[in-house]
Amino acid sequence: MSESKSRYCLKNLRAATDDRLAVVAEKYELRKRFDASKAQVTAVVEPYQTRAMQKYDKVKGVAVKQFDWSKARVHAVAEPYQAKLCGQYEQVKSIAVGRYDRSMAFLV
């Protein structure tokens, strides 16, 4: 290879390398800016997120307490009725069983 041709190739190689380095440097700079922007956004968003979570936990806690209290009231109201119905059912059942037994005795 002649000296002028090798110098030409070397010059082209340097130009290509410089272009490639410029692209890499630009990408790196963009990445740095993106990371900085992301950090700023996170710094702004996190306090709101924390406050929202605290409000959500508070509301959830109140709702759970109210639900538990309502459930307890429902139980307090329902259990006497349930006991009364069970008593009536047992009474009706015993009458029916007695009649059935008498019928069977009569048939036998």
PDB file of N, CA and C in Angstrom:
ATOM      1  N   MET A   1       0.851  -1.164   0.000  1.00  0.00           N
ATOM      2  CA  MET A   1       0.000   0.000   0.000  1.00  0.00           C
ATOM      3  C   MET A   1       0.901   1.233   0.000  1.00  0.00           C
ATOM      4  N   SER A   2       0.532   2.203  -0.809  1.00  0.00           N
ATOM      5  CA  SER A   2       1.375   3.402  -0.873  1.00  0.00           C
ATOM      6  C   SER A   2       1.169   4.259   0.362  1.00  0.00           C
ATOM      7  N   GLU A   3       2.135   5.143   0.586  1.00  0.00           N
ATOM      8  CA  GLU A   3       2.107   5.956   1.802  1.00  0.00           C
ATOM      9  C   GLU A   3       0.928   6.930   1.796  1.00  0.00           C
ATOM     10  N   SER A   4       0.614   7.500   0.622  1.00  0.00           N
ATOM     11  CA  SER A   4      -0.496   8.459   0.544  1.00  0.00           C
ATOM     12  C   SER A   4      -1.843   7.758   0.788  1.00  0.00           C
ATOM     13  N   LYS A   5      -1.924   6.534   0.262  1.00  0.00           N
ATOM     14  CA  LYS A   5      -3.171   5.782   0.453  1.00  0.00           C
ATOM     15  C   LYS A   5      -3.337   5.406   1.938  1.00  0.00           C
ATOM     16  N   SER A   6      -2.255   4.993   2.587  1.00  0.00           N
ATOM     17  CA  SER A   6      -2.337   4.624   4.003  1.00  0.00           C
ATOM     18  C   SER A   6      -2.661   5.853   4.850  1.00  0.00           C
ATOM     19  N   ARG A   7      -2.120   7.021   4.480  1.00  0.00           N
ATOM     20  CA  ARG A   7      -2.420   8.252   5.201  1.00  0.00           C
ATOM     21  C   ARG A   7      -3.902   8.618   5.031  1.00  0.00           C
ATOM     22  N   TYR A   8      -4.427   8.402   3.822  1.00  0.00           N
ATOM     23  CA  TYR A   8      -5.830   8.670   3.514  1.00  0.00           C
ATOM     24  C   TYR A   8      -6.744   7.749   4.364  1.00  0.00           C
ATOM     25  N   CYS A   9      -6.365   6.464   4.422  1.00  0.00           N
ATOM     26  CA  CYS A   9      -7.137   5.488   5.221  1.00  0.00           C
ATOM     27  C   CYS A   9      -7.106   5.860   6.697  1.00  0.00           C
ATOM     28  N   LEU A  10      -5.942   6.235   7.182  1.00  0.00           N
ATOM     29  CA  LEU A  10      -5.785   6.618   8.583  1.00  0.00           C
ATOM     30  C   LEU A  10      -6.637   7.850   8.898  1.00  0.00           C
ATOM     31  N   LYS A  11      -6.640   8.807   7.963  1.00  0.00           N
ATOM     32  CA  LYS A  11      -7.428  10.026   8.131  1.00  0.00           C
ATOM     33  C   LYS A  11      -8.921   9.677   8.199  1.00  0.00           C
ATOM     34  N   ASN A  12      -9.374   8.798   7.319  1.00  0.00           N
ATOM     35  CA  ASN A  12     -10.781   8.365   7.312  1.00  0.00           C
ATOM     36  C   ASN A  12     -11.138   7.618   8.600  1.00  0.00           C
ATOM     37  N   LEU A  13     -10.194   6.779   9.046  1.00  0.00           N
ATOM     38  CA  LEU A  13     -10.413   6.016  10.271  1.00  0.00           C
ATOM     39  C   LEU A  13     -10.551   6.953  11.459  1.00  0.00           C
ATOM     40  N   ARG A  14      -9.671   7.977  11.508  1.00  0.00           N
ATOM     41  CA  ARG A  14      -9.763   8.968  12.588  1.00  0.00           C
ATOM     42  C   ARG A  14     -11.095   9.714  12.538  1.00  0.00           C
ATOM     43  N   ALA A  15     -11.518  10.097  11.351  1.00  0.00           N
ATOM     44  CA  ALA A  15     -12.784  10.833  11.193  1.00  0.00           C
ATOM     45  C   ALA A  15     -13.955   9.957  11.652  1.00  0.00           C
ATOM     46  N   ALA A  16     -13.933   8.684  11.244  1.00  0.00           N
ATOM     47  CA  ALA A  16     -14.999   7.765  11.638  1.00  0.00           C
ATOM     48  C   ALA A  16     -14.996   7.561  13.153  1.00  0.00           C
ATOM     49  N   THR A  17     -13.801   7.432  13.723  1.00  0.00           N
ATOM     50  CA  THR A  17     -13.685   7.247  15.175  1.00  0.00           C
ATOM     51  C   THR A  17     -14.185   8.479  15.906  1.00  0.00           C
ATOM     52  N   ASP A  18     -13.806   9.664  15.401  1.00  0.00           N
ATOM     53  CA  ASP A  18     -14.263  10.914  16.023  1.00  0.00           C
ATOM     54  C   ASP A  18     -15.781  11.022  15.967  1.00  0.00           C
ATOM     55  N   ASP A  19     -16.360  10.647  14.806  1.00  0.00           N
ATOM     56  CA  ASP A  19     -17.831  10.674  14.681  1.00  0.00           C
ATOM     57  C   ASP A  19     -18.478   9.733  15.695  1.00  0.00           C
ATOM     58  N   ARG A  20     -17.912   8.542  15.792  1.00  0.00           N
ATOM     59  CA  ARG A  20     -18.447   7.537  16.712  1.00  0.00           C
ATOM     60  C   ARG A  20     -18.337   8.025  18.154  1.00  0.00           C
ATOM     61  N   LEU A  21     -17.193   8.615  18.508  1.00  0.00           N
ATOM     62  CA  LEU A  21     -17.011   9.148  19.862  1.00  0.00           C
ATOM     63  C   LEU A  21     -17.989  10.280  20.141  1.00  0.00           C
ATOM     64  N   ALA A  22     -18.253  11.109  19.134  1.00  0.00           N
ATOM     65  CA  ALA A  22     -19.210  12.216  19.305  1.00  0.00           C
ATOM     66  C   ALA A  22     -20.611  11.656  19.595  1.00  0.00           C
ATOM     67  N   VAL A  23     -20.996  10.598  18.866  1.00  0.00           N
ATOM     68  CA  VAL A  23     -22.306   9.964  19.082  1.00  0.00           C
ATOM     69  C   VAL A  23     -22.393   9.387  20.497  1.00  0.00           C
ATOM     70  N   VAL A  24     -21.322   8.684  20.900  1.00  0.00           N
ATOM     71  CA  VAL A  24     -21.292   8.088  22.242  1.00  0.00           C
ATOM     72  C   VAL A  24     -21.381   9.182  23.307  1.00  0.00           C
ATOM     73  N   ALA A  25     -20.634  10.258  23.123  1.00  0.00           N
ATOM     74  CA  ALA A  25     -20.632  11.365  24.082  1.00  0.00           C
ATOM     75  C   ALA A  25     -22.017  12.005  24.163  1.00  0.00           C
ATOM     76  N   GLU A  26     -22.675  12.154  23.016  1.00  0.00           N
ATOM     77  CA  GLU A  26     -24.018  12.755  22.976  1.00  0.00           C
ATOM     78  C   GLU A  26     -25.017  11.858  23.724  1.00  0.00           C
ATOM     79  N   LYS A  27     -24.927  10.547  23.466  1.00  0.00           N
ATOM     80  CA  LYS A  27     -25.812   9.594  24.151  1.00  0.00           C
ATOM     81  C   LYS A  27     -25.581   9.643  25.660  1.00  0.00           C
ATOM     82  N   TYR A  28     -24.321   9.715  26.054  1.00  0.00           N
ATOM     83  CA  TYR A  28     -23.975   9.762  27.477  1.00  0.00           C
ATOM     84  C   TYR A  28     -24.546  11.025  28.115  1.00  0.00           C
ATOM     85  N   GLU A  29     -24.415  12.148  27.403  1.00  0.00           N
ATOM     86  CA  GLU A  29     -24.928  13.429  27.906  1.00  0.00           C
ATOM     87  C   GLU A  29     -26.457  13.366  28.048  1.00  0.00           C
ATOM     88  N   LEU A  30     -27.110  12.797  27.054  1.00  0.00           N
ATOM     89  CA  LEU A  30     -28.571  12.645  27.109  1.00  0.00           C
ATOM     90  C   LEU A  30     -28.971  11.781  28.305  1.00  0.00           C
ATOM     91  N   ARG A  31     -28.219  10.713  28.500  1.00  0.00           N
ATOM     92  CA  ARG A  31     -28.507   9.803  29.613  1.00  0.00           C
ATOM     93  C   ARG A  31     -28.366  10.526  30.956  1.00  0.00           C
ATOM     94  N   LYS A  32     -27.303  11.340  31.064  1.00  0.00           N
ATOM     95  CA  LYS A  32     -27.074  12.103  32.296  1.00  0.00           C
ATOM     96  C   LYS A  32     -28.235  13.066  32.546  1.00  0.00           C
ATOM     97  N   ARG A  33     -28.688  13.736  31.480  1.00  0.00           N
ATOM     98  CA  ARG A  33     -29.798  14.681  31.604  1.00  0.00           C
ATOM     99  C   ARG A  33     -31.095  13.961  31.979  1.00  0.00           C
ATOM    100  N   PHE A  34     -31.294  12.794  31.365  1.00  0.00           N
ATOM    101  CA  PHE A  34     -32.489  11.996  31.665  1.00  0.00           C
ATOM    102  C   PHE A  34     -32.488  11.583  33.131  1.00  0.00           C
ATOM    103  N   ASP A  35     -31.350  11.097  33.620  1.00  0.00           N
ATOM    104  CA  ASP A  35     -31.243  10.683  35.025  1.00  0.00           C
ATOM    105  C   ASP A  35     -31.513  11.856  35.959  1.00  0.00           C
ATOM    106  N   ALA A  36     -30.970  13.032  35.617  1.00  0.00           N
ATOM    107  CA  ALA A  36     -31.174  14.223  36.448  1.00  0.00           C
ATOM    108  C   ALA A  36     -32.655  14.602  36.462  1.00  0.00           C
ATOM    109  N   SER A  37     -33.303  14.554  35.295  1.00  0.00           N
ATOM    110  CA  SER A  37     -34.735  14.883  35.208  1.00  0.00           C
ATOM    111  C   SER A  37     -35.550  13.890  36.018  1.00  0.00           C
ATOM    112  N   LYS A  38     -35.198  12.605  35.900  1.00  0.00           N
ATOM    113  CA  LYS A  38     -35.915  11.561  36.629  1.00  0.00           C
ATOM    114  C   LYS A  38     -35.790  11.797  38.134  1.00  0.00           C
ATOM    115  N   ALA A  39     -34.584  12.174  38.570  1.00  0.00           N
ATOM    116  CA  ALA A  39     -34.361  12.435  39.996  1.00  0.00           C
ATOM    117  C   ALA A  39     -35.210  13.614  40.458  1.00  0.00           C
ATOM    118  N   GLN A  40     -35.319  14.662  39.627  1.00  0.00           N
ATOM    119  CA  GLN A  40     -36.134  15.832  39.984  1.00  0.00           C
ATOM    120  C   GLN A  40     -37.604  15.452  40.082  1.00  0.00           C
ATOM    121  N   VAL A  41     -38.081  14.691  39.094  1.00  0.00           N
ATOM    122  CA  VAL A  41     -39.489  14.267  39.093  1.00  0.00           C
ATOM    123  C   VAL A  41     -39.773  13.418  40.326  1.00  0.00           C
ATOM    124  N   THR A  42     -38.873  12.499  40.639  1.00  0.00           N
ATOM    125  CA  THR A  42     -39.047  11.638  41.818  1.00  0.00           C
ATOM    126  C   THR A  42     -39.098  12.483  43.081  1.00  0.00           C
ATOM    127  N   ALA A  43     -38.228  13.473  43.172  1.00  0.00           N
ATOM    128  CA  ALA A  43     -38.188  14.345  44.352  1.00  0.00           C
ATOM    129  C   ALA A  43     -39.510  15.095  44.521  1.00  0.00           C
ATOM    130  N   VAL A  44     -40.146  15.476  43.406  1.00  0.00           N
ATOM    131  CA  VAL A  44     -41.414  16.203  43.475  1.00  0.00           C
ATOM    132  C   VAL A  44     -42.567  15.240  43.782  1.00  0.00           C
ATOM    133  N   VAL A  45     -42.556  14.070  43.151  1.00  0.00           N
ATOM    134  CA  VAL A  45     -43.691  13.140  43.248  1.00  0.00           C
ATOM    135  C   VAL A  45     -43.742  12.427  44.591  1.00  0.00           C
ATOM    136  N   GLU A  46     -42.593  12.050  45.143  1.00  0.00           N
ATOM    137  CA  GLU A  46     -42.586  11.204  46.349  1.00  0.00           C
ATOM    138  C   GLU A  46     -43.347  11.800  47.535  1.00  0.00           C
ATOM    139  N   PRO A  47     -43.190  13.113  47.842  1.00  0.00           N
ATOM    140  CA  PRO A  47     -43.981  13.658  48.962  1.00  0.00           C
ATOM    141  C   PRO A  47     -45.490  13.516  48.733  1.00  0.00           C
ATOM    142  N   TYR A  48     -45.938  13.786  47.479  1.00  0.00           N
ATOM    143  CA  TYR A  48     -47.367  13.628  47.172  1.00  0.00           C
ATOM    144  C   TYR A  48     -47.804  12.186  47.356  1.00  0.00           C
ATOM    145  N   GLN A  49     -46.955  11.283  46.878  1.00  0.00           N
ATOM    146  CA  GLN A  49     -47.257   9.857  46.982  1.00  0.00           C
ATOM    147  C   GLN A  49     -47.369   9.441  48.455  1.00  0.00           C
ATOM    148  N   THR A  50     -46.421   9.933  49.261  1.00  0.00           N
ATOM    149  CA  THR A  50     -46.422   9.614  50.691  1.00  0.00           C
ATOM    150  C   THR A  50     -47.692  10.143  51.348  1.00  0.00           C
ATOM    151  N   ARG A  51     -48.041  11.408  51.025  1.00  0.00           N
ATOM    152  CA  ARG A  51     -49.249  11.995  51.619  1.00  0.00           C
ATOM    153  C   ARG A  51     -50.494  11.236  51.189  1.00  0.00           C
ATOM    154  N   ALA A  52     -50.542  10.866  49.915  1.00  0.00           N
ATOM    155  CA  ALA A  52     -51.701  10.125  49.401  1.00  0.00           C
ATOM    156  C   ALA A  52     -51.827   8.779  50.113  1.00  0.00           C
ATOM    157  N   MET A  53     -50.693   8.104  50.319  1.00  0.00           N
ATOM    158  CA  MET A  53     -50.716   6.808  51.008  1.00  0.00           C
ATOM    159  C   MET A  53     -51.194   6.973  52.451  1.00  0.00           C
ATOM    160  N   GLN A  54     -50.728   8.050  53.116  1.00  0.00           N
ATOM    161  CA  GLN A  54     -51.151   8.296  54.503  1.00  0.00           C
ATOM    162  C   GLN A  54     -52.657   8.533  54.570  1.00  0.00           C
ATOM    163  N   LYS A  55     -53.172   9.341  53.606  1.00  0.00           N
ATOM    164  CA  LYS A  55     -54.618   9.605  53.572  1.00  0.00           C
ATOM    165  C   LYS A  55     -55.379   8.315  53.308  1.00  0.00           C
ATOM    166  N   TYR A  56     -54.861   7.527  52.368  1.00  0.00           N
ATOM    167  CA  TYR A  56     -55.520   6.247  52.028  1.00  0.00           C
ATOM    168  C   TYR A  56     -55.561   5.329  53.244  1.00  0.00           C
ATOM    169  N   ASP A  57     -54.432   5.225  53.970  1.00  0.00           N
ATOM    170  CA  ASP A  57     -54.380   4.367  55.162  1.00  0.00           C
ATOM    171  C   ASP A  57     -55.371   4.842  56.216  1.00  0.00           C
ATOM    172  N   LYS A  58     -55.469   6.185  56.368  1.00  0.00           N
ATOM    173  CA  LYS A  58     -56.373   6.755  57.366  1.00  0.00           C
ATOM    174  C   LYS A  58     -57.826   6.416  57.008  1.00  0.00           C
ATOM    175  N   VAL A  59     -58.180   6.652  55.742  1.00  0.00           N
ATOM    176  CA  VAL A  59     -59.550   6.387  55.275  1.00  0.00           C
ATOM    177  C   VAL A  59     -59.857   4.897  55.397  1.00  0.00           C
ATOM    178  N   LYS A  60     -58.868   4.071  55.013  1.00  0.00           N
ATOM    179  CA  LYS A  60     -59.058   2.619  55.098  1.00  0.00           C
ATOM    180  C   LYS A  60     -59.272   2.191  56.547  1.00  0.00           C
ATOM    181  N   GLY A  61     -58.482   2.770  57.440  1.00  0.00           N
ATOM    182  CA  GLY A  61     -58.616   2.452  58.874  1.00  0.00           C
ATOM    183  C   GLY A  61     -59.999   2.814  59.392  1.00  0.00           C
ATOM    184  N   VAL A  62     -60.489   4.001  59.004  1.00  0.00           N
ATOM    185  CA  VAL A  62     -61.827   4.435  59.430  1.00  0.00           C
ATOM    186  C   VAL A  62     -62.881   3.494  58.860  1.00  0.00           C
ATOM    187  N   ALA A  63     -62.739   3.156  57.583  1.00  0.00           N
ATOM    188  CA  ALA A  63     -63.715   2.276  56.926  1.00  0.00           C
ATOM    189  C   ALA A  63     -63.737   0.902  57.594  1.00  0.00           C
ATOM    190  N   VAL A  64     -62.557   0.380  57.909  1.00  0.00           N
ATOM    191  CA  VAL A  64     -62.479  -0.943  58.549  1.00  0.00           C
ATOM    192  C   VAL A  64     -63.142  -0.894  59.918  1.00  0.00           C
ATOM    193  N   LYS A  65     -62.874   0.189  60.690  1.00  0.00           N
ATOM    194  CA  LYS A  65     -63.497   0.334  62.015  1.00  0.00           C
ATOM    195  C   LYS A  65     -65.010   0.389  61.891  1.00  0.00           C
ATOM    196  N   GLN A  66     -65.489   1.202  60.911  1.00  0.00           N
ATOM    197  CA  GLN A  66     -66.939   1.335  60.724  1.00  0.00           C
ATOM    198  C   GLN A  66     -67.551   0.000  60.316  1.00  0.00           C
ATOM    199  N   PHE A  67     -66.868  -0.712  59.452  1.00  0.00           N
ATOM    200  CA  PHE A  67     -67.379  -2.015  59.006  1.00  0.00           C
ATOM    201  C   PHE A  67     -67.463  -2.978  60.182  1.00  0.00           C
ATOM    202  N   ASP A  68     -66.393  -3.034  60.996  1.00  0.00           N
ATOM    203  CA  ASP A  68     -66.385  -3.922  62.154  1.00  0.00           C
ATOM    204  C   ASP A  68     -67.510  -3.569  63.121  1.00  0.00           C
ATOM    205  N   TRP A  69     -67.706  -2.259  63.339  1.00  0.00           N
ATOM    206  CA  TRP A  69     -68.748  -1.803  64.250  1.00  0.00           C
ATOM    207  C   TRP A  69     -70.120  -2.184  63.694  1.00  0.00           C
ATOM    208  N   SER A  70     -70.332  -1.973  62.378  1.00  0.00           N
ATOM    209  CA  SER A  70     -71.605  -2.323  61.738  1.00  0.00           C
ATOM    210  C   SER A  70     -71.862  -3.812  61.834  1.00  0.00           C
ATOM    211  N   LYS A  71     -70.805  -4.594  61.591  1.00  0.00           N
ATOM    212  CA  LYS A  71     -70.936  -6.052  61.655  1.00  0.00           C
ATOM    213  C   LYS A  71     -71.346  -6.479  63.062  1.00  0.00           C
ATOM    214  N   ALA A  72     -70.724  -5.862  64.060  1.00  0.00           N
ATOM    215  CA  ALA A  72     -71.046  -6.190  65.452  1.00  0.00           C
ATOM    216  C   ALA A  72     -72.504  -5.856  65.747  1.00  0.00           C
ATOM    217  N   ARG A  73     -72.969  -4.698  65.233  1.00  0.00           N
ATOM    218  CA  ARG A  73     -74.367  -4.309  65.456  1.00  0.00           C
ATOM    219  C   ARG A  73     -75.320  -5.289  64.775  1.00  0.00           C
ATOM    220  N   VAL A  74     -74.976  -5.682  63.551  1.00  0.00           N
ATOM    221  CA  VAL A  74     -75.814  -6.639  62.819  1.00  0.00           C
ATOM    222  C   VAL A  74     -75.902  -7.949  63.592  1.00  0.00           C
ATOM    223  N   HIS A  75     -74.752  -8.403  64.102  1.00  0.00           N
ATOM    224  CA  HIS A  75     -74.738  -9.636  64.908  1.00  0.00           C
ATOM    225  C   HIS A  75     -75.616  -9.475  66.145  1.00  0.00           C
ATOM    226  N   ALA A  76     -75.492  -8.321  66.810  1.00  0.00           N
ATOM    227  CA  ALA A  76     -76.261  -8.081  68.034  1.00  0.00           C
ATOM    228  C   ALA A  76     -77.758  -8.118  67.750  1.00  0.00           C
ATOM    229  N   VAL A  77     -78.158  -7.594  66.586  1.00  0.00           N
ATOM    230  CA  VAL A  77     -79.579  -7.583  66.221  1.00  0.00           C
ATOM    231  C   VAL A  77     -80.016  -8.959  65.718  1.00  0.00           C
ATOM    232  N   ALA A  78     -79.183  -9.597  64.927  1.00  0.00           N
ATOM    233  CA  ALA A  78     -79.573 -10.842  64.256  1.00  0.00           C
ATOM    234  C   ALA A  78     -79.595 -12.045  65.189  1.00  0.00           C
ATOM    235  N   GLU A  79     -78.661 -12.091  66.149  1.00  0.00           N
ATOM    236  CA  GLU A  79     -78.556 -13.306  66.974  1.00  0.00           C
ATOM    237  C   GLU A  79     -79.814 -13.614  67.787  1.00  0.00           C
ATOM    238  N   PRO A  80     -80.471 -12.615  68.433  1.00  0.00           N
ATOM    239  CA  PRO A  80     -81.726 -12.954  69.132  1.00  0.00           C
ATOM    240  C   PRO A  80     -82.789 -13.526  68.190  1.00  0.00           C
ATOM    241  N   TYR A  81     -82.915 -12.928  66.990  1.00  0.00           N
ATOM    242  CA  TYR A  81     -83.878 -13.443  66.013  1.00  0.00           C
ATOM    243  C   TYR A  81     -83.530 -14.875  65.623  1.00  0.00           C
ATOM    244  N   GLN A  82     -82.245 -15.081  65.403  1.00  0.00           N
ATOM    245  CA  GLN A  82     -81.768 -16.412  65.004  1.00  0.00           C
ATOM    246  C   GLN A  82     -82.095 -17.429  66.104  1.00  0.00           C
ATOM    247  N   ALA A  83     -81.828 -17.041  67.351  1.00  0.00           N
ATOM    248  CA  ALA A  83     -82.108 -17.936  68.482  1.00  0.00           C
ATOM    249  C   ALA A  83     -83.612 -18.218  68.561  1.00  0.00           C
ATOM    250  N   LYS A  84     -84.417 -17.159  68.366  1.00  0.00           N
ATOM    251  CA  LYS A  84     -85.877 -17.309  68.421  1.00  0.00           C
ATOM    252  C   LYS A  84     -86.355 -18.245  67.313  1.00  0.00           C
ATOM    253  N   LEU A  85     -85.826 -18.040  66.093  1.00  0.00           N
ATOM    254  CA  LEU A  85     -86.213 -18.891  64.960  1.00  0.00           C
ATOM    255  C   LEU A  85     -85.802 -20.336  65.202  1.00  0.00           C
ATOM    256  N   CYS A  86     -84.591 -20.541  65.744  1.00  0.00           N
ATOM    257  CA  CYS A  86     -84.126 -21.904  66.041  1.00  0.00           C
ATOM    258  C   CYS A  86     -85.047 -22.562  67.064  1.00  0.00           C
ATOM    259  N   GLY A  87     -85.434 -21.781  68.086  1.00  0.00           N
ATOM    260  CA  GLY A  87     -86.341 -22.307  69.107  1.00  0.00           C
ATOM    261  C   GLY A  87     -87.674 -22.720  68.501  1.00  0.00           C
ATOM    262  N   GLN A  88     -88.220 -21.848  67.625  1.00  0.00           N
ATOM    263  CA  GLN A  88     -89.489 -22.161  66.969  1.00  0.00           C
ATOM    264  C   GLN A  88     -89.343 -23.387  66.076  1.00  0.00           C
ATOM    265  N   TYR A  89     -88.227 -23.456  65.370  1.00  0.00           N
ATOM    266  CA  TYR A  89     -87.984 -24.592  64.481  1.00  0.00           C
ATOM    267  C   TYR A  89     -87.935 -25.896  65.282  1.00  0.00           C
ATOM    268  N   GLU A  90     -87.186 -25.860  66.394  1.00  0.00           N
ATOM    269  CA  GLU A  90     -87.085 -27.053  67.253  1.00  0.00           C
ATOM    270  C   GLU A  90     -88.463 -27.468  67.769  1.00  0.00           C
ATOM    271  N   GLN A  91     -89.267 -26.465  68.158  1.00  0.00           N
ATOM    272  CA  GLN A  91     -90.606 -26.741  68.676  1.00  0.00           C
ATOM    273  C   GLN A  91     -91.468 -27.399  67.594  1.00  0.00           C
ATOM    274  N   VAL A  92     -91.465 -26.813  66.404  1.00  0.00           N
ATOM    275  CA  VAL A  92     -92.262 -27.354  65.288  1.00  0.00           C
ATOM    276  C   VAL A  92     -91.771 -28.755  64.934  1.00  0.00           C
ATOM    277  N   LYS A  93     -90.436 -28.912  64.943  1.00  0.00           N
ATOM    278  CA  LYS A  93     -89.857 -30.215  64.598  1.00  0.00           C
ATOM    279  C   LYS A  93     -90.294 -31.284  65.611  1.00  0.00           C
ATOM    280  N   SER A  94     -90.269 -30.926  66.887  1.00  0.00           N
ATOM    281  CA  SER A  94     -90.641 -31.916  67.902  1.00  0.00           C
ATOM    282  C   SER A  94     -92.116 -32.285  67.778  1.00  0.00           C
ATOM    283  N   ILE A  95     -92.971 -31.295  67.475  1.00  0.00           N
ATOM    284  CA  ILE A  95     -94.401 -31.593  67.267  1.00  0.00           C
ATOM    285  C   ILE A  95     -94.568 -32.525  66.075  1.00  0.00           C
ATOM    286  N   ALA A  96     -93.847 -32.209  64.985  1.00  0.00           N
ATOM    287  CA  ALA A  96     -93.951 -33.023  63.763  1.00  0.00           C
ATOM    288  C   ALA A  96     -93.445 -34.437  64.015  1.00  0.00           C
ATOM    289  N   VAL A  97     -92.331 -34.548  64.736  1.00  0.00           N
ATOM    290  CA  VAL A  97     -91.772 -35.875  65.034  1.00  0.00           C
ATOM    291  C   VAL A  97     -92.739 -36.666  65.905  1.00  0.00           C
ATOM    292  N   GLY A  98     -93.357 -35.976  66.890  1.00  0.00           N
ATOM    293  CA  GLY A  98     -94.340 -36.633  67.754  1.00  0.00           C
ATOM    294  C   GLY A  98     -95.519 -37.143  66.954  1.00  0.00           C
ATOM    295  N   ARG A  99     -96.030 -36.318  66.033  1.00  0.00           N
ATOM    296  CA  ARG A  99     -97.160 -36.733  65.187  1.00  0.00           C
ATOM    297  C   ARG A  99     -96.761 -37.909  64.306  1.00  0.00           C
ATOM    298  N   TYR A 100     -95.553 -37.810  63.752  1.00  0.00           N
ATOM    299  CA  TYR A 100     -95.067 -38.878  62.876  1.00  0.00           C
ATOM    300  C   TYR A 100     -94.981 -40.192  63.663  1.00  0.00           C
ATOM    301  N   ASP A 101     -94.419 -40.111  64.877  1.00  0.00           N
ATOM    302  CA  ASP A 101     -94.270 -41.312  65.719  1.00  0.00           C
ATOM    303  C   ASP A 101     -95.655 -41.893  66.028  1.00  0.00           C
ATOM    304  N   ARG A 102     -96.647 -41.030  66.366  1.00  0.00           N
ATOM    305  CA  ARG A 102     -97.992 -41.515  66.667  1.00  0.00           C
ATOM    306  C   ARG A 102     -98.605 -42.189  65.446  1.00  0.00           C
ATOM    307  N   SER A 103     -98.386 -41.555  64.258  1.00  0.00           N
ATOM    308  CA  SER A 103     -98.926 -42.132  63.012  1.00  0.00           C
ATOM    309  C   SER A 103     -98.330 -43.514  62.760  1.00  0.00           C
ATOM    310  N   MET A 104     -97.013 -43.607  62.986  1.00  0.00           N
ATOM    311  CA  MET A 104     -96.328 -44.881  62.763  1.00  0.00           C
ATOM    312  C   MET A 104     -96.858 -45.943  63.725  1.00  0.00           C
ATOM    313  N   ALA A 105     -97.053 -45.535  64.968  1.00  0.00           N
ATOM    314  CA  ALA A 105     -97.551 -46.466  65.986  1.00  0.00           C
ATOM    315  C   ALA A 105     -98.956 -46.933  65.590  1.00  0.00           C
ATOM    316  N   PHE A 106     -99.748 -46.001  65.086  1.00  0.00           N
ATOM    317  CA  PHE A 106    -101.109 -46.342  64.675  1.00  0.00           C
ATOM    318  C   PHE A 106    -101.088 -47.317  63.506  1.00  0.00           C
ATOM    319  N   LEU A 107    -100.135 -47.024  62.540  1.00  0.00           N
ATOM    320  CA  LEU A 107    -100.032 -47.916  61.359  1.00  0.00           C
ATOM    321  C   LEU A 107     -99.550 -49.293  61.746  1.00  0.00           C
ATOM    322  N   VAL A 108     -98.614 -49.345  62.682  1.00  0.00           N
ATOM    323  CA  VAL A 108     -98.066 -50.642  63.089  1.00  0.00           C
ATOM    324  C   VAL A 108     -99.128 -51.337  63.908  1.00  0.00           C
TER     325      VAL A 108
END
